[in-house]
Amino acid sequence: MQKIIKSSKKLVEEANSEIKTITITKAKDLLDNRNYLFIDIRDYRELLNEGKIPGAISCPRGMLEFWIDPESPYYKKSLDLSKFFIIYCASAWRSALAVKTLQDMGLKNVCHIEGGFNKWKKSKAPVELLRI
């Protein structure tokens, strides 16, 4: 049996030491600023069950690197590289790893939200429900 050398918790801790995190209050202040793009990396089922930050673009975590890369066949123009990206997930674990990866790809204008969508909801911030 293989042994885990580095835990997921350790990976998240290391990522958080190298990336920018913003508070819920700061994120709320930036919600209507067109220079910022909120990107929800949660699974689509999470969005259907809980909603999302209004105006956020859904980009599944497993596709983020491909959708953001203009040289990828999966590139999405909606992920405008001229914007400052605010990444979030449910609890700010996946988003920490995602921001670290984007920084490793060369992006500088990227951060994530402290506490993720769970903290966003607890703060009574606006939530957009998805309609099927």
C-alpha atoms as a PDB file:
ATOM      1  CA  MET A   1       0.000   0.000   0.000  1.00  0.00           C
ATOM      2  CA  GLN A   2       1.255   3.453  -0.895  1.00  0.00           C
ATOM      3  CA  LYS A   3       1.730   6.002   1.834  1.00  0.00           C
ATOM      4  CA  ILE A   4       0.689   9.645   1.620  1.00  0.00           C
ATOM      5  CA  ILE A   5       3.785  11.764   1.926  1.00  0.00           C
ATOM      6  CA  LYS A   6       2.054  15.131   2.271  1.00  0.00           C
ATOM      7  CA  SER A   7      -1.515  15.527   3.502  1.00  0.00           C
ATOM      8  CA  SER A   8      -4.163  17.581   1.748  1.00  0.00           C
ATOM      9  CA  LYS A   9      -4.268  19.777   4.860  1.00  0.00           C
ATOM     10  CA  LYS A  10      -0.551  20.482   4.466  1.00  0.00           C
ATOM     11  CA  LEU A  11      -0.997  21.300   0.767  1.00  0.00           C
ATOM     12  CA  VAL A  12      -3.715  23.827   1.634  1.00  0.00           C
ATOM     13  CA  GLU A  13      -1.577  25.350   4.409  1.00  0.00           C
ATOM     14  CA  GLU A  14       1.361  25.719   2.027  1.00  0.00           C
ATOM     15  CA  ALA A  15      -0.849  27.268  -0.662  1.00  0.00           C
ATOM     16  CA  ASN A  16      -2.329  29.740   1.835  1.00  0.00           C
ATOM     17  CA  SER A  17       1.165  30.875   2.802  1.00  0.00           C
ATOM     18  CA  GLU A  18       1.842  31.854  -0.831  1.00  0.00           C
ATOM     19  CA  ILE A  19      -1.464  33.285  -2.055  1.00  0.00           C
ATOM     20  CA  LYS A  20      -3.705  36.267  -1.385  1.00  0.00           C
ATOM     21  CA  THR A  21      -6.887  35.790   0.633  1.00  0.00           C
ATOM     22  CA  ILE A  22      -9.583  38.431   0.923  1.00  0.00           C
ATOM     23  CA  THR A  23     -12.279  38.761   3.566  1.00  0.00           C
ATOM     24  CA  ILE A  24     -15.999  38.384   2.937  1.00  0.00           C
ATOM     25  CA  THR A  25     -16.367  42.129   3.548  1.00  0.00           C
ATOM     26  CA  LYS A  26     -13.770  42.938   0.869  1.00  0.00           C
ATOM     27  CA  ALA A  27     -15.355  40.453  -1.548  1.00  0.00           C
ATOM     28  CA  LYS A  28     -18.781  42.060  -1.033  1.00  0.00           C
ATOM     29  CA  ASP A  29     -17.236  45.471  -1.780  1.00  0.00           C
ATOM     30  CA  LEU A  30     -15.853  44.147  -5.083  1.00  0.00           C
ATOM     31  CA  LEU A  31     -19.016  42.351  -6.189  1.00  0.00           C
ATOM     32  CA  ASP A  32     -20.158  45.076  -8.603  1.00  0.00           C
ATOM     33  CA  ASN A  33     -16.678  46.095  -9.768  1.00  0.00           C
ATOM     34  CA  ARG A  34     -16.295  45.122 -13.432  1.00  0.00           C
ATOM     35  CA  ASN A  35     -12.525  44.743 -13.026  1.00  0.00           C
ATOM     36  CA  TYR A  36     -13.060  41.666 -10.841  1.00  0.00           C
ATOM     37  CA  LEU A  37     -14.368  38.275 -11.897  1.00  0.00           C
ATOM     38  CA  PHE A  38     -15.784  35.881  -9.318  1.00  0.00           C
ATOM     39  CA  ILE A  39     -15.143  32.262 -10.288  1.00  0.00           C
ATOM     40  CA  ASP A  40     -16.977  29.442  -8.524  1.00  0.00           C
ATOM     41  CA  ILE A  41     -14.960  26.220  -8.764  1.00  0.00           C
ATOM     42  CA  ARG A  42     -17.446  24.026  -6.914  1.00  0.00           C
ATOM     43  CA  ASP A  43     -19.081  21.041  -8.543  1.00  0.00           C
ATOM     44  CA  TYR A  44     -22.195  21.973 -10.520  1.00  0.00           C
ATOM     45  CA  ARG A  45     -24.392  19.958  -8.108  1.00  0.00           C
ATOM     46  CA  GLU A  46     -23.222  22.238  -5.289  1.00  0.00           C
ATOM     47  CA  LEU A  47     -24.350  25.258  -7.291  1.00  0.00           C
ATOM     48  CA  LEU A  48     -27.733  23.685  -7.983  1.00  0.00           C
ATOM     49  CA  ASN A  49     -28.243  22.875  -4.290  1.00  0.00           C
ATOM     50  CA  GLU A  50     -26.907  26.070  -2.731  1.00  0.00           C
ATOM     51  CA  GLY A  51     -26.720  28.797  -5.367  1.00  0.00           C
ATOM     52  CA  LYS A  52     -23.703  30.981  -6.069  1.00  0.00           C
ATOM     53  CA  ILE A  53     -22.359  34.470  -5.638  1.00  0.00           C
ATOM     54  CA  PRO A  54     -24.360  36.725  -8.009  1.00  0.00           C
ATOM     55  CA  GLY A  55     -22.619  37.103 -11.353  1.00  0.00           C
ATOM     56  CA  ALA A  56     -19.998  34.452 -10.620  1.00  0.00           C
ATOM     57  CA  ILE A  57     -18.845  32.220 -13.454  1.00  0.00           C
ATOM     58  CA  SER A  58     -19.014  28.497 -12.793  1.00  0.00           C
ATOM     59  CA  CYS A  59     -15.780  26.719 -13.666  1.00  0.00           C
ATOM     60  CA  PRO A  60     -15.381  23.210 -12.251  1.00  0.00           C
ATOM     61  CA  ARG A  61     -12.090  22.781 -10.388  1.00  0.00           C
ATOM     62  CA  GLY A  62     -11.024  19.976 -12.724  1.00  0.00           C
ATOM     63  CA  MET A  63     -11.302  22.257 -15.772  1.00  0.00           C
ATOM     64  CA  LEU A  64      -9.873  25.507 -14.367  1.00  0.00           C
ATOM     65  CA  GLU A  65      -6.366  25.214 -15.829  1.00  0.00           C
ATOM     66  CA  PHE A  66      -7.765  24.252 -19.232  1.00  0.00           C
ATOM     67  CA  TRP A  67     -10.512  26.890 -19.389  1.00  0.00           C
ATOM     68  CA  ILE A  68      -8.091  29.672 -18.400  1.00  0.00           C
ATOM     69  CA  ASP A  69      -5.286  28.790 -20.822  1.00  0.00           C
ATOM     70  CA  PRO A  70      -5.741  30.539 -24.206  1.00  0.00           C
ATOM     71  CA  GLU A  71      -3.652  27.762 -25.822  1.00  0.00           C
ATOM     72  CA  SER A  72      -5.943  25.003 -24.537  1.00  0.00           C
ATOM     73  CA  PRO A  73      -8.650  23.573 -26.798  1.00  0.00           C
ATOM     74  CA  TYR A  74     -11.005  24.054 -23.826  1.00  0.00           C
ATOM     75  CA  TYR A  75     -10.246  27.786 -23.374  1.00  0.00           C
ATOM     76  CA  LYS A  76     -13.238  29.926 -22.364  1.00  0.00           C
ATOM     77  CA  LYS A  77     -13.167  33.581 -23.400  1.00  0.00           C
ATOM     78  CA  SER A  78     -15.495  34.380 -20.498  1.00  0.00           C
ATOM     79  CA  LEU A  79     -12.494  33.874 -18.182  1.00  0.00           C
ATOM     80  CA  ASP A  80     -11.040  37.205 -19.257  1.00  0.00           C
ATOM     81  CA  LEU A  81      -7.373  37.330 -18.260  1.00  0.00           C
ATOM     82  CA  SER A  82      -7.491  41.135 -18.051  1.00  0.00           C
ATOM     83  CA  LYS A  83      -9.703  40.840 -14.959  1.00  0.00           C
ATOM     84  CA  PHE A  84      -8.670  40.205 -11.357  1.00  0.00           C
ATOM     85  CA  PHE A  85      -9.913  36.713 -10.469  1.00  0.00           C
ATOM     86  CA  ILE A  86     -11.607  36.002  -7.152  1.00  0.00           C
ATOM     87  CA  ILE A  87     -11.823  32.228  -6.798  1.00  0.00           C
ATOM     88  CA  TYR A  88     -14.064  30.476  -4.306  1.00  0.00           C
ATOM     89  CA  CYS A  89     -15.295  27.029  -3.313  1.00  0.00           C
ATOM     90  CA  ALA A  90     -17.313  25.827  -0.322  1.00  0.00           C
ATOM     91  CA  SER A  91     -14.712  26.100   2.453  1.00  0.00           C
ATOM     92  CA  ALA A  92     -11.672  27.801   0.833  1.00  0.00           C
ATOM     93  CA  TRP A  93      -9.660  24.574   0.534  1.00  0.00           C
ATOM     94  CA  ARG A  94     -10.072  23.823  -3.161  1.00  0.00           C
ATOM     95  CA  SER A  95      -9.847  27.537  -3.922  1.00  0.00           C
ATOM     96  CA  ALA A  96      -6.518  27.835  -2.086  1.00  0.00           C
ATOM     97  CA  LEU A  97      -5.074  25.052  -4.231  1.00  0.00           C
ATOM     98  CA  ALA A  98      -6.638  26.552  -7.362  1.00  0.00           C
ATOM     99  CA  VAL A  99      -5.171  30.011  -6.708  1.00  0.00           C
ATOM    100  CA  LYS A 100      -1.746  28.471  -6.088  1.00  0.00           C
ATOM    101  CA  THR A 101      -1.997  26.595  -9.391  1.00  0.00           C
ATOM    102  CA  LEU A 102      -3.036  29.743 -11.274  1.00  0.00           C
ATOM    103  CA  GLN A 103      -0.099  31.603  -9.764  1.00  0.00           C
ATOM    104  CA  ASP A 104       2.158  28.743 -10.865  1.00  0.00           C
ATOM    105  CA  MET A 105       0.730  29.265 -14.368  1.00  0.00           C
ATOM    106  CA  GLY A 106       1.813  32.911 -14.207  1.00  0.00           C
ATOM    107  CA  LEU A 107      -1.333  34.736 -13.136  1.00  0.00           C
ATOM    108  CA  LYS A 108      -0.718  37.521 -10.660  1.00  0.00           C
ATOM    109  CA  ASN A 109      -4.186  39.040 -10.327  1.00  0.00           C
ATOM    110  CA  VAL A 110      -5.838  36.219  -8.431  1.00  0.00           C
ATOM    111  CA  CYS A 111      -7.022  35.583  -4.873  1.00  0.00           C
ATOM    112  CA  HIS A 112      -9.606  33.593  -2.976  1.00  0.00           C
ATOM    113  CA  ILE A 113     -12.275  34.303  -0.369  1.00  0.00           C
ATOM    114  CA  GLU A 114     -11.605  33.491   3.270  1.00  0.00           C
ATOM    115  CA  GLY A 115     -14.018  30.780   4.409  1.00  0.00           C
ATOM    116  CA  GLY A 116     -15.453  30.272   0.916  1.00  0.00           C
ATOM    117  CA  PHE A 117     -19.120  30.137  -0.001  1.00  0.00           C
ATOM    118  CA  ASN A 118     -20.105  28.701   3.376  1.00  0.00           C
ATOM    119  CA  LYS A 119     -18.834  31.824   5.132  1.00  0.00           C
ATOM    120  CA  TRP A 120     -20.357  33.992   2.390  1.00  0.00           C
ATOM    121  CA  LYS A 121     -23.809  32.535   3.124  1.00  0.00           C
ATOM    122  CA  LYS A 122     -23.357  32.829   6.906  1.00  0.00           C
ATOM    123  CA  SER A 123     -22.592  36.521   6.486  1.00  0.00           C
ATOM    124  CA  LYS A 124     -25.983  36.984   4.789  1.00  0.00           C
ATOM    125  CA  ALA A 125     -24.298  38.106   1.562  1.00  0.00           C
ATOM    126  CA  PRO A 126     -26.414  37.857  -1.586  1.00  0.00           C
ATOM    127  CA  VAL A 127     -26.873  34.446  -3.199  1.00  0.00           C
ATOM    128  CA  GLU A 128     -28.104  33.765  -6.709  1.00  0.00           C
ATOM    129  CA  LEU A 129     -30.138  30.576  -7.036  1.00  0.00           C
ATOM    130  CA  LEU A 130     -29.814  28.608 -10.244  1.00  0.00           C
ATOM    131  CA  ARG A 131     -32.881  27.784 -12.248  1.00  0.00           C
ATOM    132  CA  ILE A 132     -33.026  24.531 -14.134  1.00  0.00           C
END
